[in-house]
C-alpha atoms as a PDB file:
ATOM      1  CA  MET A   1      12.585  19.562 -22.706  1.00  0.00           C
ATOM      2  CA  SER A   2      15.877  21.322 -24.536  1.00  0.00           C
ATOM      3  CA  ARG A   3      15.398  24.665 -25.340  1.00  0.00           C
ATOM      4  CA  ILE A   4      17.887  25.191 -27.722  1.00  0.00           C
ATOM      5  CA  GLY A   5      16.628  22.505 -29.677  1.00  0.00           C
ATOM      6  CA  LYS A   6      13.071  24.230 -30.706  1.00  0.00           C
ATOM      7  CA  ARG A   7      14.923  26.737 -32.044  1.00  0.00           C
ATOM      8  CA  PRO A   8      14.840  26.404 -36.411  1.00  0.00           C
ATOM      9  CA  ILE A   9      18.389  26.590 -38.397  1.00  0.00           C
ATOM     10  CA  ALA A  10      18.455  28.103 -41.270  1.00  0.00           C
ATOM     11  CA  VAL A  11      20.248  27.028 -44.373  1.00  0.00           C
ATOM     12  CA  VAL A  12      23.129  28.398 -45.218  1.00  0.00           C
ATOM     13  CA  GLU A  13      23.614  30.071 -48.419  1.00  0.00           C
ATOM     14  CA  GLY A  14      25.640  27.736 -50.863  1.00  0.00           C
ATOM     15  CA  VAL A  15      25.027  24.490 -48.578  1.00  0.00           C
ATOM     16  CA  GLN A  16      22.745  21.467 -50.152  1.00  0.00           C
ATOM     17  CA  VAL A  17      21.014  19.455 -47.258  1.00  0.00           C
ATOM     18  CA  GLN A  18      19.233  16.353 -47.587  1.00  0.00           C
ATOM     19  CA  TYR A  19      17.294  14.222 -45.340  1.00  0.00           C
ATOM     20  CA  SER A  20      15.958  10.313 -46.182  1.00  0.00           C
ATOM     21  CA  ASN A  21      15.739   7.416 -43.580  1.00  0.00           C
ATOM     22  CA  ARG A  22      16.932   9.046 -41.003  1.00  0.00           C
ATOM     23  CA  ASP A  23      20.158  10.128 -42.844  1.00  0.00           C
ATOM     24  CA  PHE A  24      21.287  13.995 -42.797  1.00  0.00           C
ATOM     25  CA  SER A  25      23.758  15.339 -45.199  1.00  0.00           C
ATOM     26  CA  ALA A  26      25.236  18.952 -46.118  1.00  0.00           C
ATOM     27  CA  LYS A  27      27.476  19.837 -48.812  1.00  0.00           C
ATOM     28  CA  GLY A  28      28.939  22.703 -48.912  1.00  0.00           C
ATOM     29  CA  PRO A  29      32.156  24.902 -49.774  1.00  0.00           C
ATOM     30  CA  LYS A  30      34.328  23.131 -47.159  1.00  0.00           C
ATOM     31  CA  GLY A  31      33.235  19.724 -47.864  1.00  0.00           C
ATOM     32  CA  GLU A  32      30.693  17.153 -46.965  1.00  0.00           C
ATOM     33  CA  MET A  33      29.319  15.695 -44.297  1.00  0.00           C
ATOM     34  CA  LYS A  34      26.683  13.289 -42.698  1.00  0.00           C
ATOM     35  CA  ILE A  35      24.889  11.864 -39.645  1.00  0.00           C
ATOM     36  CA  SER A  36      22.703   9.720 -38.672  1.00  0.00           C
ATOM     37  CA  ILE A  37      19.783  11.355 -36.861  1.00  0.00           C
ATOM     38  CA  HIS A  38      18.354   9.958 -33.432  1.00  0.00           C
ATOM     39  CA  GLU A  39      15.275   8.009 -33.739  1.00  0.00           C
ATOM     40  CA  ASP A  40      13.582  10.094 -30.834  1.00  0.00           C
ATOM     41  CA  VAL A  41      14.057  12.845 -33.072  1.00  0.00           C
ATOM     42  CA  GLU A  42      12.130  14.428 -36.094  1.00  0.00           C
ATOM     43  CA  LEU A  43      14.030  16.534 -38.433  1.00  0.00           C
ATOM     44  CA  LYS A  44      11.942  18.587 -41.113  1.00  0.00           C
ATOM     45  CA  VAL A  45      13.896  20.958 -43.621  1.00  0.00           C
ATOM     46  CA  GLU A  46      11.167  23.433 -45.284  1.00  0.00           C
ATOM     47  CA  ASP A  47      11.714  26.395 -47.203  1.00  0.00           C
ATOM     48  CA  GLY A  48      15.263  26.522 -46.090  1.00  0.00           C
ATOM     49  CA  ILE A  49      14.831  26.084 -42.336  1.00  0.00           C
ATOM     50  CA  ILE A  50      15.669  23.303 -40.465  1.00  0.00           C
ATOM     51  CA  GLN A  51      13.450  22.263 -37.315  1.00  0.00           C
ATOM     52  CA  LEU A  52      13.769  19.608 -35.005  1.00  0.00           C
ATOM     53  CA  THR A  53      10.887  18.087 -32.669  1.00  0.00           C
ATOM     54  CA  PRO A  54      10.972  15.197 -30.400  1.00  0.00           C
ATOM     55  CA  SER A  55       9.731  12.580 -31.988  1.00  0.00           C
ATOM     56  CA  ALA A  56       5.601  11.740 -31.472  1.00  0.00           C
ATOM     57  CA  SER A  57       5.971   8.413 -29.271  1.00  0.00           C
ATOM     58  CA  LYS A  58       8.227  10.122 -26.688  1.00  0.00           C
ATOM     59  CA  GLY A  59       7.242  13.425 -26.470  1.00  0.00           C
ATOM     60  CA  ILE A  60      10.539  14.907 -24.365  1.00  0.00           C
ATOM     61  CA  THR A  61      13.949  13.734 -25.253  1.00  0.00           C
ATOM     62  CA  PRO A  62      17.269  14.165 -23.977  1.00  0.00           C
ATOM     63  CA  MET A  63      18.589  14.040 -27.610  1.00  0.00           C
ATOM     64  CA  LEU A  64      17.108  16.996 -28.771  1.00  0.00           C
ATOM     65  CA  GLY A  65      19.654  19.667 -28.068  1.00  0.00           C
ATOM     66  CA  THR A  66      22.358  17.049 -28.809  1.00  0.00           C
ATOM     67  CA  THR A  67      21.126  16.710 -32.407  1.00  0.00           C
ATOM     68  CA  TRP A  68      20.327  20.566 -32.643  1.00  0.00           C
ATOM     69  CA  ALA A  69      24.296  21.265 -31.858  1.00  0.00           C
ATOM     70  CA  LEU A  70      25.396  18.364 -34.153  1.00  0.00           C
ATOM     71  CA  VAL A  71      23.043  19.897 -36.953  1.00  0.00           C
ATOM     72  CA  ARG A  72      24.446  23.461 -36.705  1.00  0.00           C
ATOM     73  CA  ASN A  73      27.855  22.836 -36.334  1.00  0.00           C
ATOM     74  CA  MET A  74      27.775  20.737 -39.505  1.00  0.00           C
ATOM     75  CA  MET A  75      25.829  24.042 -41.330  1.00  0.00           C
ATOM     76  CA  THR A  76      28.759  25.941 -40.013  1.00  0.00           C
ATOM     77  CA  GLY A  77      31.691  23.438 -40.604  1.00  0.00           C
ATOM     78  CA  VAL A  78      30.624  23.041 -44.407  1.00  0.00           C
ATOM     79  CA  SER A  79      29.903  26.660 -45.258  1.00  0.00           C
ATOM     80  CA  THR A  80      32.440  28.118 -43.207  1.00  0.00           C
ATOM     81  CA  GLY A  81      34.784  25.750 -41.483  1.00  0.00           C
ATOM     82  CA  PHE A  82      36.783  25.602 -37.927  1.00  0.00           C
ATOM     83  CA  VAL A  83      40.078  26.737 -37.419  1.00  0.00           C
ATOM     84  CA  LYS A  84      42.195  26.424 -33.897  1.00  0.00           C
ATOM     85  CA  GLU A  85      45.458  27.583 -33.376  1.00  0.00           C
ATOM     86  CA  LEU A  86      48.506  25.942 -31.286  1.00  0.00           C
ATOM     87  CA  ASN A  87      51.385  27.432 -30.055  1.00  0.00           C
ATOM     88  CA  LEU A  88      54.471  25.725 -29.303  1.00  0.00           C
ATOM     89  CA  VAL A  89      56.291  27.699 -25.995  1.00  0.00           C
ATOM     90  CA  GLY A  90      59.119  26.027 -25.234  1.00  0.00           C
ATOM     91  CA  VAL A  91      62.870  26.783 -25.897  1.00  0.00           C
ATOM     92  CA  GLY A  92      63.639  24.995 -29.285  1.00  0.00           C
ATOM     93  CA  TYR A  93      60.274  23.879 -29.528  1.00  0.00           C
ATOM     94  CA  ARG A  94      59.115  23.985 -33.271  1.00  0.00           C
ATOM     95  CA  ALA A  95      57.038  22.090 -36.214  1.00  0.00           C
ATOM     96  CA  THR A  96      57.024  21.344 -39.863  1.00  0.00           C
ATOM     97  CA  THR A  97      54.781  19.704 -41.901  1.00  0.00           C
ATOM     98  CA  SER A  98      55.007  18.090 -45.176  1.00  0.00           C
ATOM     99  CA  SER A  99      52.314  16.432 -47.197  1.00  0.00           C
ATOM    100  CA  ASN A 100      50.005  14.773 -44.533  1.00  0.00           C
ATOM    101  CA  MET A 101      52.540  14.316 -41.544  1.00  0.00           C
ATOM    102  CA  LEU A 102      53.230  17.144 -38.729  1.00  0.00           C
ATOM    103  CA  GLU A 103      56.767  16.555 -37.112  1.00  0.00           C
ATOM    104  CA  MET A 104      57.454  18.388 -34.058  1.00  0.00           C
ATOM    105  CA  ASN A 105      60.982  18.965 -31.734  1.00  0.00           C
ATOM    106  CA  LEU A 106      59.161  19.402 -28.034  1.00  0.00           C
ATOM    107  CA  GLY A 107      62.465  18.793 -26.066  1.00  0.00           C
ATOM    108  CA  TYR A 108      62.820  14.793 -26.232  1.00  0.00           C
ATOM    109  CA  SER A 109      65.917  12.974 -27.624  1.00  0.00           C
ATOM    110  CA  HIS A 110      63.501  12.486 -30.812  1.00  0.00           C
ATOM    111  CA  SER A 111      61.450  14.539 -33.200  1.00  0.00           C
ATOM    112  CA  ILE A 112      57.540  13.543 -32.578  1.00  0.00           C
ATOM    113  CA  LYS A 113      56.101  12.750 -36.202  1.00  0.00           C
ATOM    114  CA  TYR A 114      52.257  12.973 -35.990  1.00  0.00           C
ATOM    115  CA  THR A 115      49.747  11.754 -39.232  1.00  0.00           C
ATOM    116  CA  ILE A 116      46.853  14.236 -40.196  1.00  0.00           C
ATOM    117  CA  PRO A 117      43.746  12.471 -40.988  1.00  0.00           C
ATOM    118  CA  LYS A 118      42.081  13.030 -43.628  1.00  0.00           C
ATOM    119  CA  GLY A 119      39.273  16.076 -43.320  1.00  0.00           C
ATOM    120  CA  VAL A 120      42.149  18.302 -41.264  1.00  0.00           C
ATOM    121  CA  SER A 121      44.596  20.622 -43.191  1.00  0.00           C
ATOM    122  CA  VAL A 122      47.573  22.086 -41.295  1.00  0.00           C
ATOM    123  CA  LYS A 123      49.665  25.134 -41.875  1.00  0.00           C
ATOM    124  CA  VAL A 124      52.942  25.542 -39.552  1.00  0.00           C
ATOM    125  CA  ASN A 125      53.547  29.694 -39.073  1.00  0.00           C
ATOM    126  CA  ALA A 126      56.635  30.908 -37.860  1.00  0.00           C
ATOM    127  CA  ASN A 127      57.911  27.120 -36.661  1.00  0.00           C
ATOM    128  CA  THR A 128      55.705  27.881 -33.494  1.00  0.00           C
ATOM    129  CA  ASN A 129      52.505  28.256 -34.720  1.00  0.00           C
ATOM    130  CA  ILE A 130      50.331  25.220 -35.985  1.00  0.00           C
ATOM    131  CA  VAL A 131      46.637  26.372 -37.565  1.00  0.00           C
ATOM    132  CA  LEU A 132      44.844  23.456 -38.031  1.00  0.00           C
ATOM    133  CA  GLU A 133      41.648  23.749 -40.018  1.00  0.00           C
ATOM    134  CA  SER A 134      38.265  21.371 -40.758  1.00  0.00           C
ATOM    135  CA  ALA A 135      34.813  21.061 -41.639  1.00  0.00           C
ATOM    136  CA  ASP A 136      34.150  18.537 -38.756  1.00  0.00           C
ATOM    137  CA  LYS A 137      34.321  20.482 -34.862  1.00  0.00           C
ATOM    138  CA  GLN A 138      34.624  16.881 -33.463  1.00  0.00           C
ATOM    139  CA  LEU A 139      37.669  15.765 -35.370  1.00  0.00           C
ATOM    140  CA  LEU A 140      39.530  19.028 -35.136  1.00  0.00           C
ATOM    141  CA  GLY A 141      39.117  19.186 -31.706  1.00  0.00           C
ATOM    142  CA  GLN A 142      40.393  15.401 -31.326  1.00  0.00           C
ATOM    143  CA  VAL A 143      43.210  16.089 -33.510  1.00  0.00           C
ATOM    144  CA  CYS A 144      44.495  19.311 -31.192  1.00  0.00           C
ATOM    145  CA  ALA A 145      43.862  16.937 -27.960  1.00  0.00           C
ATOM    146  CA  GLU A 146      46.202  14.192 -29.435  1.00  0.00           C
ATOM    147  CA  ILE A 147      48.629  17.216 -30.399  1.00  0.00           C
ATOM    148  CA  ARG A 148      48.773  18.451 -27.034  1.00  0.00           C
ATOM    149  CA  LYS A 149      48.799  15.293 -25.114  1.00  0.00           C
ATOM    150  CA  TYR A 150      52.736  15.343 -26.488  1.00  0.00           C
ATOM    151  CA  ARG A 151      53.730  17.948 -24.352  1.00  0.00           C
ATOM    152  CA  PRO A 152      50.620  19.422 -22.363  1.00  0.00           C
ATOM    153  CA  PRO A 153      51.479  22.951 -20.759  1.00  0.00           C
ATOM    154  CA  GLU A 154      53.284  23.060 -17.261  1.00  0.00           C
ATOM    155  CA  PRO A 155      52.333  25.578 -14.382  1.00  0.00           C
ATOM    156  CA  TYR A 156      55.612  26.224 -13.357  1.00  0.00           C
ATOM    157  CA  LYS A 157      57.898  27.506 -16.292  1.00  0.00           C
ATOM    158  CA  GLY A 158      54.672  27.742 -18.817  1.00  0.00           C
ATOM    159  CA  LYS A 159      55.993  25.511 -21.525  1.00  0.00           C
ATOM    160  CA  GLY A 160      54.163  23.224 -23.414  1.00  0.00           C
ATOM    161  CA  ILE A 161      51.625  23.180 -26.604  1.00  0.00           C
ATOM    162  CA  LEU A 162      48.804  25.872 -25.984  1.00  0.00           C
ATOM    163  CA  PHE A 163      45.279  27.191 -27.708  1.00  0.00           C
ATOM    164  CA  LYS A 164      45.846  30.769 -29.115  1.00  0.00           C
ATOM    165  CA  ASP A 165      45.123  33.419 -26.694  1.00  0.00           C
ATOM    166  CA  GLU A 166      45.122  30.683 -23.583  1.00  0.00           C
ATOM    167  CA  ARG A 167      46.315  31.837 -20.224  1.00  0.00           C
ATOM    168  CA  LEU A 168      48.346  29.308 -17.606  1.00  0.00           C
ATOM    169  CA  LYS A 169      47.979  29.733 -13.995  1.00  0.00           C
ATOM    170  CA  ARG A 170      51.417  30.014 -12.875  1.00  0.00           C
ATOM    171  CA  LYS A 171      52.417  28.000  -9.754  1.00  0.00           C
ATOM    172  CA  ALA A 172      55.009  29.054  -7.737  1.00  0.00           C
ATOM    173  CA  GLY A 173      57.957  27.028  -7.716  1.00  0.00           C
ATOM    174  CA  LYS A 174      59.979  25.234  -4.608  1.00  0.00           C
ATOM    175  CA  ALA A 175      60.872  27.319  -1.617  1.00  0.00           C
ATOM    176  CA  GLY A 176      64.833  27.835  -1.189  1.00  0.00           C
ATOM    177  CA  LYS A 177      66.511  27.070   2.175  1.00  0.00           C
ATOM    178  CA  VAL A 178      65.890  29.178   5.129  1.00  0.00           C
END
């Protein structure tokens, strides 16, 4: 049985939660999110505490820890939000933003235009630093993965799109003639 799933989750100040018909929703200063709770998990909201337990019919469920993590991420997302930073490393690599479009020059013959999905906000600092913010942790991670796919980090020269403070394990290049 999930040990983490047994832990209670405190409702953060300024966040309103509702649970009815297996639908859990949280509304806070950073946005509103909803999820459907799995049928093997029971959820109770009492006195600012959210408690998850396995349903009486199943006893032990693998969904308990997963549901706990999803609910906790919702609480964090609607109260403080999530932030990820990407750095463009390479000569001539730069990015600009306009409304919901991120335009990147990544060493190709053409610029890459990426449409930012609803729920994610983007800022570009110093042309090479992309700051992404969202209340939905999964959506934010998916957007970062899609952006990194255009120019993944490569281990020989260290160029590409990297997360802030990401360290690449560099490889040696070809050996010269002997």
